[in-house]
């Protein structure tokens, strides 16, 4: 079964911020490559939704899958995968989900 993929507003904002940072510090090509590769990773999640690690300690019914030094956080619903956040794995993840 293939799941529909939804990217939440906070996850879209995360993507924009990461891409802007990469563009400012490493150039436009690196930023575009990041967006392309992480988009492919999200499509992979839609094909294999339970591949990611359970992250119930951060948010009930959530999972994460790594891409480079980033974590893609998502929730599996009946026919949908919702990408809820994209975060650097080195940041305080508990604080990220406190709100």
C-alpha atoms as a PDB file:
ATOM      1  CA  UNK A   1       0.000   0.000   0.000  1.00  0.00           C
ATOM      2  CA  UNK A   2       1.340   3.404  -0.928  1.00  0.00           C
ATOM      3  CA  UNK A   3       0.641   6.241   1.454  1.00  0.00           C
ATOM      4  CA  UNK A   4      -0.109   9.847   0.557  1.00  0.00           C
ATOM      5  CA  UNK A   5       2.555  12.262   1.737  1.00  0.00           C
ATOM      6  CA  UNK A   6       1.702  15.508   3.536  1.00  0.00           C
ATOM      7  CA  UNK A   7       4.306  17.996   4.714  1.00  0.00           C
ATOM      8  CA  UNK A   8       3.120  20.082   7.658  1.00  0.00           C
ATOM      9  CA  UNK A   9       3.637  23.843   7.821  1.00  0.00           C
ATOM     10  CA  UNK A  10       6.322  23.515  10.548  1.00  0.00           C
ATOM     11  CA  UNK A  11       8.182  20.921   8.437  1.00  0.00           C
ATOM     12  CA  UNK A  12       8.005  23.192   5.381  1.00  0.00           C
ATOM     13  CA  UNK A  13       9.426  26.007   7.478  1.00  0.00           C
ATOM     14  CA  UNK A  14      12.192  23.683   8.700  1.00  0.00           C
ATOM     15  CA  UNK A  15      13.040  22.832   5.083  1.00  0.00           C
ATOM     16  CA  UNK A  16      13.154  26.496   4.097  1.00  0.00           C
ATOM     17  CA  UNK A  17      15.426  27.389   7.001  1.00  0.00           C
ATOM     18  CA  UNK A  18      17.820  24.515   6.323  1.00  0.00           C
ATOM     19  CA  UNK A  19      17.923  25.283   2.597  1.00  0.00           C
ATOM     20  CA  UNK A  20      18.546  28.981   3.295  1.00  0.00           C
ATOM     21  CA  UNK A  21      21.361  28.125   5.707  1.00  0.00           C
ATOM     22  CA  UNK A  22      22.973  25.756   3.213  1.00  0.00           C
ATOM     23  CA  UNK A  23      22.587  28.269   0.402  1.00  0.00           C
ATOM     24  CA  UNK A  24      24.112  31.093   2.440  1.00  0.00           C
ATOM     25  CA  UNK A  25      27.029  28.992   3.695  1.00  0.00           C
ATOM     26  CA  UNK A  26      27.699  26.448   0.948  1.00  0.00           C
ATOM     27  CA  UNK A  27      26.045  27.802  -2.182  1.00  0.00           C
ATOM     28  CA  UNK A  28      22.843  27.344  -4.122  1.00  0.00           C
ATOM     29  CA  UNK A  29      23.880  23.995  -5.637  1.00  0.00           C
ATOM     30  CA  UNK A  30      24.292  22.432  -2.174  1.00  0.00           C
ATOM     31  CA  UNK A  31      20.940  23.824  -1.058  1.00  0.00           C
ATOM     32  CA  UNK A  32      19.165  22.426  -4.132  1.00  0.00           C
ATOM     33  CA  UNK A  33      20.877  19.059  -3.701  1.00  0.00           C
ATOM     34  CA  UNK A  34      19.693  18.907  -0.078  1.00  0.00           C
ATOM     35  CA  UNK A  35      16.062  19.621  -1.073  1.00  0.00           C
ATOM     36  CA  UNK A  36      16.191  17.016  -3.830  1.00  0.00           C
ATOM     37  CA  UNK A  37      17.731  14.307  -1.659  1.00  0.00           C
ATOM     38  CA  UNK A  38      15.522  14.872   1.380  1.00  0.00           C
ATOM     39  CA  UNK A  39      12.453  14.875  -0.879  1.00  0.00           C
ATOM     40  CA  UNK A  40      13.513  11.444  -2.156  1.00  0.00           C
ATOM     41  CA  UNK A  41      13.937  10.278   1.435  1.00  0.00           C
ATOM     42  CA  UNK A  42      10.388  11.425   2.255  1.00  0.00           C
ATOM     43  CA  UNK A  43       9.045   9.531  -0.769  1.00  0.00           C
ATOM     44  CA  UNK A  44      10.873   6.464   0.538  1.00  0.00           C
ATOM     45  CA  UNK A  45       9.085   6.891   3.876  1.00  0.00           C
ATOM     46  CA  UNK A  46       5.754   6.964   2.006  1.00  0.00           C
ATOM     47  CA  UNK A  47       6.630   3.590   0.463  1.00  0.00           C
ATOM     48  CA  UNK A  48       7.948   2.025   3.678  1.00  0.00           C
ATOM     49  CA  UNK A  49       6.307   3.940   6.540  1.00  0.00           C
ATOM     50  CA  UNK A  50       7.458   1.734   9.390  1.00  0.00           C
ATOM     51  CA  UNK A  51      11.133   1.874   8.478  1.00  0.00           C
ATOM     52  CA  UNK A  52      11.779   4.747  10.872  1.00  0.00           C
ATOM     53  CA  UNK A  53      12.446   4.473  14.572  1.00  0.00           C
ATOM     54  CA  UNK A  54       9.517   4.912  16.950  1.00  0.00           C
ATOM     55  CA  UNK A  55       9.761   8.262  18.756  1.00  0.00           C
ATOM     56  CA  UNK A  56       6.875   7.985  21.209  1.00  0.00           C
ATOM     57  CA  UNK A  57       9.146   9.498  23.880  1.00  0.00           C
ATOM     58  CA  UNK A  58       8.997  12.795  21.958  1.00  0.00           C
ATOM     59  CA  UNK A  59       5.507  12.719  20.475  1.00  0.00           C
ATOM     60  CA  UNK A  60       2.924   9.916  20.593  1.00  0.00           C
ATOM     61  CA  UNK A  61       2.603   7.920  17.372  1.00  0.00           C
ATOM     62  CA  UNK A  62       5.674   9.511  15.807  1.00  0.00           C
ATOM     63  CA  UNK A  63       8.661   8.036  14.015  1.00  0.00           C
ATOM     64  CA  UNK A  64      11.938   9.396  12.659  1.00  0.00           C
ATOM     65  CA  UNK A  65      14.293   8.511   9.859  1.00  0.00           C
ATOM     66  CA  UNK A  66      17.759   9.965   9.420  1.00  0.00           C
ATOM     67  CA  UNK A  67      19.018  11.809   6.392  1.00  0.00           C
ATOM     68  CA  UNK A  68      22.605  13.003   6.746  1.00  0.00           C
ATOM     69  CA  UNK A  69      22.724  14.847  10.093  1.00  0.00           C
ATOM     70  CA  UNK A  70      18.991  15.583   9.978  1.00  0.00           C
ATOM     71  CA  UNK A  71      16.009  13.645  11.274  1.00  0.00           C
ATOM     72  CA  UNK A  72      12.703  13.511   9.447  1.00  0.00           C
ATOM     73  CA  UNK A  73       9.893  13.187  11.992  1.00  0.00           C
ATOM     74  CA  UNK A  74       6.583  11.826  10.786  1.00  0.00           C
ATOM     75  CA  UNK A  75       3.336  10.179  11.794  1.00  0.00           C
ATOM     76  CA  UNK A  76       1.681   7.257  10.069  1.00  0.00           C
ATOM     77  CA  UNK A  77      -2.069   7.572   9.644  1.00  0.00           C
ATOM     78  CA  UNK A  78      -4.504   5.279   7.806  1.00  0.00           C
ATOM     79  CA  UNK A  79      -3.576   6.286   4.266  1.00  0.00           C
ATOM     80  CA  UNK A  80      -1.284   9.239   4.934  1.00  0.00           C
ATOM     81  CA  UNK A  81       2.224   9.950   6.116  1.00  0.00           C
ATOM     82  CA  UNK A  82       2.519  13.400   7.643  1.00  0.00           C
ATOM     83  CA  UNK A  83       5.990  14.874   7.884  1.00  0.00           C
ATOM     84  CA  UNK A  84       5.789  16.877  11.090  1.00  0.00           C
ATOM     85  CA  UNK A  85       9.321  18.275  11.540  1.00  0.00           C
ATOM     86  CA  UNK A  86      12.791  18.127  10.053  1.00  0.00           C
ATOM     87  CA  UNK A  87      15.524  18.806  12.572  1.00  0.00           C
ATOM     88  CA  UNK A  88      19.242  18.625  13.050  1.00  0.00           C
ATOM     89  CA  UNK A  89      19.882  15.492  15.084  1.00  0.00           C
ATOM     90  CA  UNK A  90      22.252  17.410  17.357  1.00  0.00           C
ATOM     91  CA  UNK A  91      19.656  19.860  18.630  1.00  0.00           C
ATOM     92  CA  UNK A  92      17.552  19.413  21.760  1.00  0.00           C
ATOM     93  CA  UNK A  93      14.750  17.259  20.362  1.00  0.00           C
ATOM     94  CA  UNK A  94      12.748  17.231  23.580  1.00  0.00           C
ATOM     95  CA  UNK A  95      12.511  21.020  23.453  1.00  0.00           C
ATOM     96  CA  UNK A  96      11.517  20.885  19.789  1.00  0.00           C
ATOM     97  CA  UNK A  97       8.418  18.878  20.667  1.00  0.00           C
ATOM     98  CA  UNK A  98       7.561  20.579  23.991  1.00  0.00           C
ATOM     99  CA  UNK A  99       5.301  23.001  22.158  1.00  0.00           C
END
